[in-house]
Amino acid sequence: MPQNDAITLNALALQHRVERFYYDEAALLDDRCYNDWLTLFAKDIRYVMPLRTNRTRREWKLEFSGPHESAYFDEDYASLDMRVRKFASGTNWAEDPPSRTRHLIGNVRIVDDNAGEITVRSAFIVYRNRLERQTEVFAGEREDLLRADGATFRIARRHIALDQGTLLTSSLSFFF
């Protein structure tokens, strides 16, 4: 919620709807319901996780890779759909056997509400366990553009900012 706005019942109801949307999304991912998860996205989605480098305070604005530079993910609806279909096909060798994940979402803040488009920032921790002993924890922040779609939302943009500068993982074959 914008800081200068008085808290109203409508603002509280919107906050609750947004939080519930994110909790339901996390459950879909953890339950491996990827086809249902994909329906949460707008057809013009931009799903981006830029690279992050350590910078001095003078250079903080340069810590994330830019729009035309390398990124862990820079996807649209077609590429997300392809990844989801690969999970279902049984040919996703990086996920066979599949990872066990737990997506924890918190500190959900509505930073802008503009005529049916809502900018939301949230913190996440993703726990991932693979095989017998491979355990990884990822933490960071997401900034999403949500579009109202009836009683729910569609994610039109997701910018994922990992707190880690160096990823010590064998693959990024799951979703944030």
N, C-alpha and C. Protein backbone atom coordinates (compact mmCIF):
# COMPACT_ATOMS: atom_id res chain seq x y z
N MET A 1 0.84 -1.18 0.00
CA MET A 1 0.00 0.00 0.00
C MET A 1 0.88 1.24 0.00
N PRO A 2 0.58 2.22 -0.82
CA PRO A 2 1.35 3.45 -0.77
C PRO A 2 1.36 4.03 0.64
N GLN A 3 2.50 4.53 1.08
CA GLN A 3 2.67 4.95 2.47
C GLN A 3 1.79 6.12 2.87
N ASN A 4 1.45 7.01 1.96
CA ASN A 4 0.69 8.20 2.33
C ASN A 4 -0.81 7.98 2.33
N ASP A 5 -1.27 6.85 1.86
CA ASP A 5 -2.71 6.59 1.82
C ASP A 5 -3.22 6.14 3.18
N ALA A 6 -4.38 6.62 3.54
CA ALA A 6 -5.03 6.14 4.76
C ALA A 6 -5.45 4.70 4.51
N ILE A 7 -5.33 3.88 5.54
CA ILE A 7 -5.74 2.49 5.41
C ILE A 7 -7.26 2.43 5.43
N THR A 8 -7.82 1.87 4.37
CA THR A 8 -9.27 1.75 4.26
C THR A 8 -9.63 0.27 4.17
N LEU A 9 -10.89 -0.03 4.32
CA LEU A 9 -11.33 -1.41 4.16
C LEU A 9 -11.02 -1.93 2.76
N ASN A 10 -11.16 -1.08 1.76
CA ASN A 10 -10.83 -1.50 0.39
C ASN A 10 -9.35 -1.82 0.25
N ALA A 11 -8.50 -1.00 0.86
CA ALA A 11 -7.06 -1.26 0.80
C ALA A 11 -6.71 -2.55 1.52
N LEU A 12 -7.32 -2.79 2.67
CA LEU A 12 -7.08 -4.03 3.40
C LEU A 12 -7.57 -5.24 2.61
N ALA A 13 -8.72 -5.11 1.97
CA ALA A 13 -9.25 -6.21 1.17
C ALA A 13 -8.34 -6.51 -0.02
N LEU A 14 -7.82 -5.46 -0.66
CA LEU A 14 -6.89 -5.66 -1.78
C LEU A 14 -5.61 -6.34 -1.29
N GLN A 15 -5.08 -5.87 -0.16
CA GLN A 15 -3.87 -6.48 0.40
C GLN A 15 -4.11 -7.98 0.65
N HIS A 16 -5.25 -8.31 1.22
CA HIS A 16 -5.58 -9.71 1.50
C HIS A 16 -5.67 -10.52 0.20
N ARG A 17 -6.33 -9.97 -0.82
CA ARG A 17 -6.46 -10.67 -2.10
C ARG A 17 -5.10 -10.93 -2.73
N VAL A 18 -4.22 -9.93 -2.68
CA VAL A 18 -2.88 -10.08 -3.26
C VAL A 18 -2.09 -11.14 -2.49
N GLU A 19 -2.11 -11.07 -1.16
CA GLU A 19 -1.38 -12.06 -0.37
C GLU A 19 -1.91 -13.46 -0.64
N ARG A 20 -3.22 -13.62 -0.67
CA ARG A 20 -3.81 -14.94 -0.93
C ARG A 20 -3.41 -15.44 -2.32
N PHE A 21 -3.37 -14.55 -3.30
CA PHE A 21 -2.93 -14.91 -4.64
C PHE A 21 -1.52 -15.49 -4.60
N TYR A 22 -0.61 -14.83 -3.87
CA TYR A 22 0.77 -15.31 -3.78
C TYR A 22 0.87 -16.62 -3.02
N TYR A 23 0.10 -16.78 -1.96
CA TYR A 23 0.14 -18.05 -1.21
C TYR A 23 -0.39 -19.19 -2.07
N ASP A 24 -1.43 -18.94 -2.83
CA ASP A 24 -1.96 -19.97 -3.73
C ASP A 24 -0.95 -20.30 -4.82
N GLU A 25 -0.27 -19.27 -5.34
CA GLU A 25 0.77 -19.51 -6.35
C GLU A 25 1.87 -20.39 -5.77
N ALA A 26 2.33 -20.09 -4.56
CA ALA A 26 3.38 -20.89 -3.93
C ALA A 26 2.95 -22.34 -3.77
N ALA A 27 1.70 -22.56 -3.38
CA ALA A 27 1.20 -23.93 -3.22
C ALA A 27 1.19 -24.67 -4.56
N LEU A 28 0.81 -23.99 -5.64
CA LEU A 28 0.84 -24.63 -6.96
C LEU A 28 2.25 -25.08 -7.32
N LEU A 29 3.24 -24.23 -7.06
CA LEU A 29 4.62 -24.59 -7.37
C LEU A 29 5.09 -25.75 -6.50
N ASP A 30 4.82 -25.69 -5.21
CA ASP A 30 5.28 -26.74 -4.31
C ASP A 30 4.58 -28.07 -4.56
N ASP A 31 3.35 -28.01 -5.05
CA ASP A 31 2.59 -29.23 -5.38
C ASP A 31 2.85 -29.70 -6.81
N ARG A 32 3.74 -29.00 -7.52
CA ARG A 32 4.12 -29.33 -8.90
C ARG A 32 2.94 -29.25 -9.88
N CYS A 33 2.05 -28.32 -9.64
CA CYS A 33 0.89 -28.09 -10.53
C CYS A 33 1.27 -26.99 -11.52
N TYR A 34 2.24 -27.28 -12.38
CA TYR A 34 2.81 -26.26 -13.24
C TYR A 34 1.84 -25.75 -14.31
N ASN A 35 0.99 -26.60 -14.83
CA ASN A 35 0.01 -26.12 -15.82
C ASN A 35 -0.94 -25.11 -15.18
N ASP A 36 -1.39 -25.39 -13.96
CA ASP A 36 -2.25 -24.44 -13.26
C ASP A 36 -1.49 -23.16 -12.93
N TRP A 37 -0.22 -23.30 -12.55
CA TRP A 37 0.62 -22.14 -12.25
C TRP A 37 0.74 -21.23 -13.48
N LEU A 38 0.92 -21.83 -14.64
CA LEU A 38 1.08 -21.04 -15.87
C LEU A 38 -0.15 -20.19 -16.16
N THR A 39 -1.33 -20.62 -15.74
CA THR A 39 -2.55 -19.85 -16.00
C THR A 39 -2.57 -18.54 -15.21
N LEU A 40 -1.67 -18.39 -14.24
CA LEU A 40 -1.62 -17.15 -13.46
C LEU A 40 -0.94 -16.01 -14.22
N PHE A 41 -0.34 -16.32 -15.37
CA PHE A 41 0.43 -15.32 -16.11
C PHE A 41 -0.35 -14.75 -17.28
N ALA A 42 -0.13 -13.46 -17.52
CA ALA A 42 -0.68 -12.80 -18.71
C ALA A 42 0.08 -13.31 -19.93
N LYS A 43 -0.55 -13.25 -21.07
CA LYS A 43 0.10 -13.73 -22.31
C LYS A 43 1.32 -12.89 -22.68
N ASP A 44 1.39 -11.65 -22.18
CA ASP A 44 2.53 -10.78 -22.49
C ASP A 44 3.53 -10.72 -21.33
N ILE A 45 3.58 -11.77 -20.52
CA ILE A 45 4.47 -11.81 -19.35
C ILE A 45 5.93 -11.59 -19.74
N ARG A 46 6.63 -10.91 -18.87
CA ARG A 46 8.09 -10.83 -18.93
C ARG A 46 8.57 -11.31 -17.57
N TYR A 47 9.29 -12.42 -17.54
CA TYR A 47 9.73 -13.12 -16.33
C TYR A 47 11.25 -13.05 -16.33
N VAL A 48 11.82 -12.21 -15.46
CA VAL A 48 13.25 -11.90 -15.54
C VAL A 48 13.93 -12.10 -14.20
N MET A 49 15.08 -12.76 -14.24
CA MET A 49 15.97 -12.82 -13.09
C MET A 49 17.36 -12.40 -13.58
N PRO A 50 17.72 -11.13 -13.38
CA PRO A 50 19.02 -10.66 -13.86
C PRO A 50 20.17 -11.20 -13.01
N LEU A 51 21.36 -11.15 -13.57
CA LEU A 51 22.55 -11.48 -12.79
C LEU A 51 22.78 -10.38 -11.78
N ARG A 52 23.40 -10.74 -10.67
CA ARG A 52 23.70 -9.75 -9.63
C ARG A 52 25.18 -9.84 -9.30
N THR A 53 25.83 -8.70 -9.25
CA THR A 53 27.24 -8.66 -8.88
C THR A 53 27.42 -7.76 -7.68
N ASN A 54 28.47 -8.02 -6.93
CA ASN A 54 28.78 -7.18 -5.78
C ASN A 54 29.40 -5.88 -6.26
N ARG A 55 28.90 -4.78 -5.76
CA ARG A 55 29.37 -3.46 -6.17
C ARG A 55 29.59 -2.59 -4.94
N THR A 56 30.45 -1.60 -5.09
CA THR A 56 30.64 -0.64 -4.01
C THR A 56 29.39 0.24 -3.93
N ARG A 57 29.26 0.97 -2.86
CA ARG A 57 28.08 1.84 -2.70
C ARG A 57 27.93 2.83 -3.84
N ARG A 58 29.05 3.31 -4.35
CA ARG A 58 28.98 4.25 -5.47
C ARG A 58 28.37 3.62 -6.72
N GLU A 59 28.49 2.28 -6.83
CA GLU A 59 28.04 1.58 -8.04
C GLU A 59 26.80 0.72 -7.82
N TRP A 60 26.06 0.94 -6.75
CA TRP A 60 24.89 0.09 -6.46
C TRP A 60 23.91 0.01 -7.61
N LYS A 61 23.78 1.08 -8.35
CA LYS A 61 22.82 1.07 -9.46
C LYS A 61 23.23 0.10 -10.57
N LEU A 62 24.47 -0.38 -10.52
CA LEU A 62 24.98 -1.30 -11.54
C LEU A 62 25.01 -2.76 -11.07
N GLU A 63 24.45 -3.05 -9.88
CA GLU A 63 24.60 -4.41 -9.35
C GLU A 63 23.80 -5.45 -10.12
N PHE A 64 22.76 -5.06 -10.85
CA PHE A 64 21.97 -6.00 -11.65
C PHE A 64 22.28 -5.82 -13.13
N SER A 65 22.32 -6.94 -13.86
CA SER A 65 22.51 -6.85 -15.30
C SER A 65 21.33 -6.11 -15.93
N GLY A 66 21.60 -5.44 -17.03
CA GLY A 66 20.58 -4.63 -17.69
C GLY A 66 19.70 -5.43 -18.63
N PRO A 67 18.75 -4.75 -19.28
CA PRO A 67 17.76 -5.41 -20.13
C PRO A 67 18.35 -6.21 -21.30
N HIS A 68 19.46 -5.82 -21.84
CA HIS A 68 20.03 -6.52 -22.99
C HIS A 68 21.33 -7.23 -22.63
N GLU A 69 21.48 -7.54 -21.34
CA GLU A 69 22.67 -8.25 -20.87
C GLU A 69 22.26 -9.64 -20.40
N SER A 70 23.25 -10.43 -20.00
CA SER A 70 22.97 -11.80 -19.54
C SER A 70 22.06 -11.79 -18.33
N ALA A 71 21.25 -12.85 -18.22
CA ALA A 71 20.34 -13.01 -17.09
C ALA A 71 20.17 -14.51 -16.83
N TYR A 72 19.82 -14.86 -15.60
CA TYR A 72 19.49 -16.25 -15.31
C TYR A 72 18.22 -16.65 -16.06
N PHE A 73 17.23 -15.77 -16.03
CA PHE A 73 15.99 -15.97 -16.78
C PHE A 73 15.65 -14.66 -17.47
N ASP A 74 15.19 -14.74 -18.68
CA ASP A 74 14.58 -13.62 -19.39
C ASP A 74 13.56 -14.25 -20.33
N GLU A 75 12.36 -14.47 -19.81
CA GLU A 75 11.40 -15.33 -20.49
C GLU A 75 10.10 -14.60 -20.80
N ASP A 76 9.40 -15.17 -21.76
CA ASP A 76 8.06 -14.72 -22.10
C ASP A 76 7.11 -15.91 -21.90
N TYR A 77 5.86 -15.73 -22.28
CA TYR A 77 4.87 -16.79 -22.05
C TYR A 77 5.25 -18.07 -22.80
N ALA A 78 5.71 -17.94 -24.04
CA ALA A 78 6.05 -19.12 -24.84
C ALA A 78 7.17 -19.93 -24.19
N SER A 79 8.19 -19.26 -23.67
CA SER A 79 9.30 -20.01 -23.07
C SER A 79 8.89 -20.62 -21.73
N LEU A 80 8.05 -19.94 -20.95
CA LEU A 80 7.54 -20.54 -19.72
C LEU A 80 6.67 -21.76 -20.04
N ASP A 81 5.83 -21.64 -21.06
CA ASP A 81 4.99 -22.75 -21.49
C ASP A 81 5.85 -23.94 -21.92
N MET A 82 6.92 -23.68 -22.64
CA MET A 82 7.82 -24.75 -23.07
C MET A 82 8.44 -25.46 -21.86
N ARG A 83 8.86 -24.69 -20.87
CA ARG A 83 9.44 -25.30 -19.67
C ARG A 83 8.41 -26.14 -18.92
N VAL A 84 7.18 -25.64 -18.82
CA VAL A 84 6.12 -26.39 -18.15
C VAL A 84 5.83 -27.69 -18.91
N ARG A 85 5.76 -27.62 -20.24
CA ARG A 85 5.51 -28.83 -21.03
C ARG A 85 6.66 -29.83 -20.88
N LYS A 86 7.87 -29.32 -20.74
CA LYS A 86 9.02 -30.21 -20.55
C LYS A 86 8.92 -30.96 -19.22
N PHE A 87 8.45 -30.29 -18.17
CA PHE A 87 8.22 -30.97 -16.89
C PHE A 87 7.24 -32.12 -17.08
N ALA A 88 6.16 -31.86 -17.80
CA ALA A 88 5.10 -32.86 -17.97
C ALA A 88 5.53 -34.02 -18.87
N SER A 89 6.50 -33.77 -19.76
CA SER A 89 6.89 -34.79 -20.74
C SER A 89 7.74 -35.91 -20.16
N GLY A 90 8.36 -35.65 -19.01
CA GLY A 90 9.27 -36.65 -18.45
C GLY A 90 10.66 -36.61 -19.05
N THR A 91 10.93 -35.62 -19.92
CA THR A 91 12.26 -35.52 -20.54
C THR A 91 13.10 -34.41 -19.93
N ASN A 92 12.68 -33.86 -18.81
CA ASN A 92 13.43 -32.81 -18.14
C ASN A 92 14.43 -33.48 -17.20
N TRP A 93 15.58 -33.87 -17.74
CA TRP A 93 16.54 -34.66 -16.98
C TRP A 93 17.06 -33.94 -15.75
N ALA A 94 17.10 -32.64 -15.78
CA ALA A 94 17.56 -31.88 -14.60
C ALA A 94 16.57 -32.00 -13.45
N GLU A 95 15.35 -32.44 -13.74
CA GLU A 95 14.32 -32.58 -12.71
C GLU A 95 13.76 -34.00 -12.65
N ASP A 96 14.64 -34.99 -12.84
CA ASP A 96 14.20 -36.38 -12.73
C ASP A 96 15.22 -37.15 -11.90
N PRO A 97 14.92 -37.46 -10.67
CA PRO A 97 13.65 -37.24 -10.00
C PRO A 97 13.44 -35.75 -9.70
N PRO A 98 12.17 -35.35 -9.52
CA PRO A 98 11.88 -33.93 -9.34
C PRO A 98 12.35 -33.39 -8.00
N SER A 99 12.67 -32.10 -8.00
CA SER A 99 13.03 -31.40 -6.77
C SER A 99 11.82 -31.31 -5.86
N ARG A 100 12.09 -31.24 -4.57
CA ARG A 100 11.07 -30.89 -3.59
C ARG A 100 11.33 -29.44 -3.22
N THR A 101 10.34 -28.60 -3.37
CA THR A 101 10.53 -27.18 -3.07
C THR A 101 9.51 -26.71 -2.05
N ARG A 102 9.88 -25.62 -1.39
CA ARG A 102 8.97 -24.92 -0.49
C ARG A 102 9.19 -23.44 -0.74
N HIS A 103 8.15 -22.77 -1.19
CA HIS A 103 8.20 -21.33 -1.48
C HIS A 103 7.56 -20.59 -0.31
N LEU A 104 8.33 -19.79 0.39
CA LEU A 104 7.83 -18.97 1.49
C LEU A 104 7.79 -17.53 1.01
N ILE A 105 6.62 -16.92 1.07
CA ILE A 105 6.41 -15.56 0.58
C ILE A 105 6.04 -14.68 1.75
N GLY A 106 6.65 -13.51 1.85
CA GLY A 106 6.34 -12.60 2.95
C GLY A 106 6.62 -11.17 2.57
N ASN A 107 6.40 -10.28 3.54
CA ASN A 107 6.63 -8.85 3.36
C ASN A 107 6.02 -8.36 2.04
N VAL A 108 4.76 -8.74 1.82
CA VAL A 108 4.05 -8.37 0.59
C VAL A 108 3.59 -6.92 0.72
N ARG A 109 4.06 -6.08 -0.23
CA ARG A 109 3.76 -4.65 -0.17
C ARG A 109 3.23 -4.18 -1.52
N ILE A 110 2.07 -3.58 -1.50
CA ILE A 110 1.53 -2.94 -2.71
C ILE A 110 2.18 -1.56 -2.79
N VAL A 111 2.97 -1.35 -3.83
CA VAL A 111 3.68 -0.08 -3.95
C VAL A 111 3.01 0.88 -4.92
N ASP A 112 2.11 0.36 -5.77
CA ASP A 112 1.38 1.23 -6.68
C ASP A 112 0.12 0.50 -7.13
N ASP A 113 -0.97 1.23 -7.17
CA ASP A 113 -2.26 0.69 -7.62
C ASP A 113 -2.79 1.68 -8.64
N ASN A 114 -2.71 1.30 -9.91
CA ASN A 114 -3.03 2.23 -10.98
C ASN A 114 -4.05 1.61 -11.94
N ALA A 115 -5.31 1.86 -11.69
CA ALA A 115 -6.40 1.48 -12.61
C ALA A 115 -6.30 0.03 -13.08
N GLY A 116 -6.31 -0.89 -12.15
CA GLY A 116 -6.32 -2.30 -12.51
C GLY A 116 -4.96 -2.93 -12.68
N GLU A 117 -3.90 -2.14 -12.59
CA GLU A 117 -2.54 -2.68 -12.61
C GLU A 117 -1.89 -2.34 -11.28
N ILE A 118 -1.40 -3.36 -10.60
CA ILE A 118 -0.88 -3.21 -9.25
C ILE A 118 0.58 -3.64 -9.24
N THR A 119 1.46 -2.79 -8.75
CA THR A 119 2.86 -3.16 -8.57
C THR A 119 3.03 -3.65 -7.14
N VAL A 120 3.58 -4.85 -7.01
CA VAL A 120 3.71 -5.49 -5.71
C VAL A 120 5.15 -5.96 -5.54
N ARG A 121 5.70 -5.70 -4.36
CA ARG A 121 7.02 -6.23 -4.00
C ARG A 121 6.83 -7.23 -2.88
N SER A 122 7.55 -8.34 -2.96
CA SER A 122 7.45 -9.36 -1.92
C SER A 122 8.81 -10.02 -1.74
N ALA A 123 9.04 -10.50 -0.53
CA ALA A 123 10.25 -11.25 -0.23
C ALA A 123 9.95 -12.74 -0.38
N PHE A 124 10.98 -13.51 -0.72
CA PHE A 124 10.79 -14.95 -0.83
C PHE A 124 11.99 -15.70 -0.29
N ILE A 125 11.72 -16.90 0.15
CA ILE A 125 12.75 -17.90 0.41
C ILE A 125 12.26 -19.16 -0.29
N VAL A 126 13.11 -19.72 -1.13
CA VAL A 126 12.79 -20.98 -1.80
C VAL A 126 13.78 -22.02 -1.29
N TYR A 127 13.23 -23.04 -0.66
CA TYR A 127 14.03 -24.18 -0.20
C TYR A 127 13.88 -25.27 -1.26
N ARG A 128 15.01 -25.88 -1.62
CA ARG A 128 14.98 -26.93 -2.64
C ARG A 128 15.82 -28.11 -2.17
N ASN A 129 15.25 -29.30 -2.29
CA ASN A 129 15.97 -30.52 -1.98
C ASN A 129 15.88 -31.44 -3.19
N ARG A 130 17.04 -31.96 -3.59
CA ARG A 130 17.12 -32.89 -4.73
C ARG A 130 17.91 -34.11 -4.31
N LEU A 131 17.53 -35.21 -4.93
CA LEU A 131 18.23 -36.46 -4.70
C LEU A 131 18.28 -36.74 -3.20
N GLU A 132 19.38 -37.22 -2.69
CA GLU A 132 19.44 -37.55 -1.26
C GLU A 132 19.99 -36.42 -0.41
N ARG A 133 21.00 -35.72 -0.92
CA ARG A 133 21.72 -34.78 -0.06
C ARG A 133 21.85 -33.36 -0.61
N GLN A 134 21.29 -33.08 -1.73
CA GLN A 134 21.44 -31.75 -2.34
C GLN A 134 20.36 -30.82 -1.81
N THR A 135 20.77 -29.87 -0.98
CA THR A 135 19.84 -28.91 -0.39
C THR A 135 20.32 -27.50 -0.71
N GLU A 136 19.40 -26.65 -1.13
CA GLU A 136 19.74 -25.27 -1.47
C GLU A 136 18.66 -24.33 -0.96
N VAL A 137 19.08 -23.14 -0.60
CA VAL A 137 18.16 -22.10 -0.15
C VAL A 137 18.45 -20.84 -0.97
N PHE A 138 17.40 -20.28 -1.54
CA PHE A 138 17.49 -19.05 -2.31
C PHE A 138 16.62 -18.01 -1.63
N ALA A 139 17.14 -16.80 -1.49
CA ALA A 139 16.37 -15.71 -0.88
C ALA A 139 16.43 -14.51 -1.81
N GLY A 140 15.40 -13.69 -1.74
CA GLY A 140 15.41 -12.49 -2.56
C GLY A 140 14.09 -11.76 -2.52
N GLU A 141 13.90 -10.95 -3.55
CA GLU A 141 12.70 -10.12 -3.65
C GLU A 141 12.15 -10.24 -5.07
N ARG A 142 10.84 -10.21 -5.16
CA ARG A 142 10.18 -10.16 -6.46
C ARG A 142 9.42 -8.85 -6.56
N GLU A 143 9.47 -8.27 -7.74
CA GLU A 143 8.59 -7.14 -8.04
C GLU A 143 7.72 -7.56 -9.20
N ASP A 144 6.42 -7.58 -8.96
CA ASP A 144 5.46 -8.03 -9.96
C ASP A 144 4.54 -6.91 -10.37
N LEU A 145 4.10 -6.97 -11.61
CA LEU A 145 3.00 -6.15 -12.08
C LEU A 145 1.81 -7.11 -12.22
N LEU A 146 0.80 -6.90 -11.38
CA LEU A 146 -0.40 -7.73 -11.42
C LEU A 146 -1.50 -6.96 -12.13
N ARG A 147 -2.21 -7.66 -13.00
CA ARG A 147 -3.37 -7.07 -13.67
C ARG A 147 -4.63 -7.71 -13.12
N ALA A 148 -5.58 -6.87 -12.77
CA ALA A 148 -6.86 -7.40 -12.30
C ALA A 148 -7.52 -8.16 -13.45
N ASP A 149 -8.06 -9.33 -13.12
CA ASP A 149 -8.75 -10.16 -14.10
C ASP A 149 -9.94 -10.81 -13.40
N GLY A 150 -11.04 -10.07 -13.36
CA GLY A 150 -12.21 -10.53 -12.61
C GLY A 150 -11.89 -10.53 -11.13
N ALA A 151 -12.09 -11.67 -10.48
CA ALA A 151 -11.85 -11.77 -9.04
C ALA A 151 -10.40 -12.12 -8.72
N THR A 152 -9.57 -12.31 -9.74
CA THR A 152 -8.19 -12.70 -9.50
C THR A 152 -7.24 -11.75 -10.23
N PHE A 153 -6.01 -12.17 -10.40
CA PHE A 153 -4.99 -11.36 -11.06
C PHE A 153 -4.27 -12.22 -12.09
N ARG A 154 -3.58 -11.54 -13.00
CA ARG A 154 -2.63 -12.18 -13.90
C ARG A 154 -1.30 -11.45 -13.71
N ILE A 155 -0.23 -12.22 -13.67
CA ILE A 155 1.10 -11.64 -13.52
C ILE A 155 1.58 -11.21 -14.90
N ALA A 156 1.78 -9.91 -15.08
CA ALA A 156 2.20 -9.36 -16.37
C ALA A 156 3.70 -9.12 -16.43
N ARG A 157 4.32 -8.99 -15.26
CA ARG A 157 5.78 -8.80 -15.21
C ARG A 157 6.26 -9.35 -13.88
N ARG A 158 7.36 -10.08 -13.91
CA ARG A 158 8.00 -10.53 -12.66
C ARG A 158 9.49 -10.28 -12.78
N HIS A 159 10.01 -9.49 -11.87
CA HIS A 159 11.44 -9.21 -11.77
C HIS A 159 11.92 -9.86 -10.48
N ILE A 160 12.82 -10.83 -10.60
CA ILE A 160 13.30 -11.60 -9.46
C ILE A 160 14.71 -11.14 -9.14
N ALA A 161 14.92 -10.66 -7.91
CA ALA A 161 16.23 -10.18 -7.48
C ALA A 161 16.74 -11.11 -6.38
N LEU A 162 17.65 -12.01 -6.74
CA LEU A 162 18.24 -12.90 -5.75
C LEU A 162 19.19 -12.12 -4.85
N ASP A 163 19.24 -12.50 -3.59
CA ASP A 163 20.20 -11.88 -2.68
C ASP A 163 21.61 -12.43 -2.91
N GLN A 164 21.73 -13.63 -3.44
CA GLN A 164 23.03 -14.22 -3.71
C GLN A 164 23.66 -13.57 -4.94
N GLY A 165 24.94 -13.29 -4.84
CA GLY A 165 25.67 -12.80 -6.00
C GLY A 165 26.22 -13.94 -6.84
N THR A 166 26.55 -15.04 -6.18
CA THR A 166 27.07 -16.22 -6.85
C THR A 166 26.18 -17.41 -6.52
N LEU A 167 25.71 -18.08 -7.53
CA LEU A 167 24.85 -19.25 -7.31
C LEU A 167 25.68 -20.52 -7.34
N LEU A 168 25.62 -21.27 -6.27
CA LEU A 168 26.35 -22.53 -6.17
C LEU A 168 25.36 -23.68 -6.32
N THR A 169 24.65 -23.69 -7.41
CA THR A 169 23.64 -24.70 -7.66
C THR A 169 23.95 -25.43 -8.96
N SER A 170 23.50 -26.66 -9.05
CA SER A 170 23.75 -27.43 -10.27
C SER A 170 22.79 -27.04 -11.39
N SER A 171 21.64 -26.47 -11.04
CA SER A 171 20.68 -26.07 -12.07
C SER A 171 19.67 -25.08 -11.49
N LEU A 172 19.05 -24.34 -12.38
CA LEU A 172 17.92 -23.47 -12.03
C LEU A 172 16.71 -23.96 -12.81
N SER A 173 16.37 -25.20 -12.60
CA SER A 173 15.32 -25.84 -13.38
C SER A 173 13.95 -25.78 -12.71
N PHE A 174 13.78 -24.86 -11.80
CA PHE A 174 12.51 -24.69 -11.08
C PHE A 174 12.09 -23.24 -11.21
N PHE A 175 10.96 -22.89 -10.61
CA PHE A 175 10.40 -21.55 -10.77
C PHE A 175 10.40 -20.79 -9.46
N PHE A 176 10.46 -19.46 -9.56
CA PHE A 176 10.46 -18.59 -8.38
C PHE A 176 9.14 -17.86 -8.26
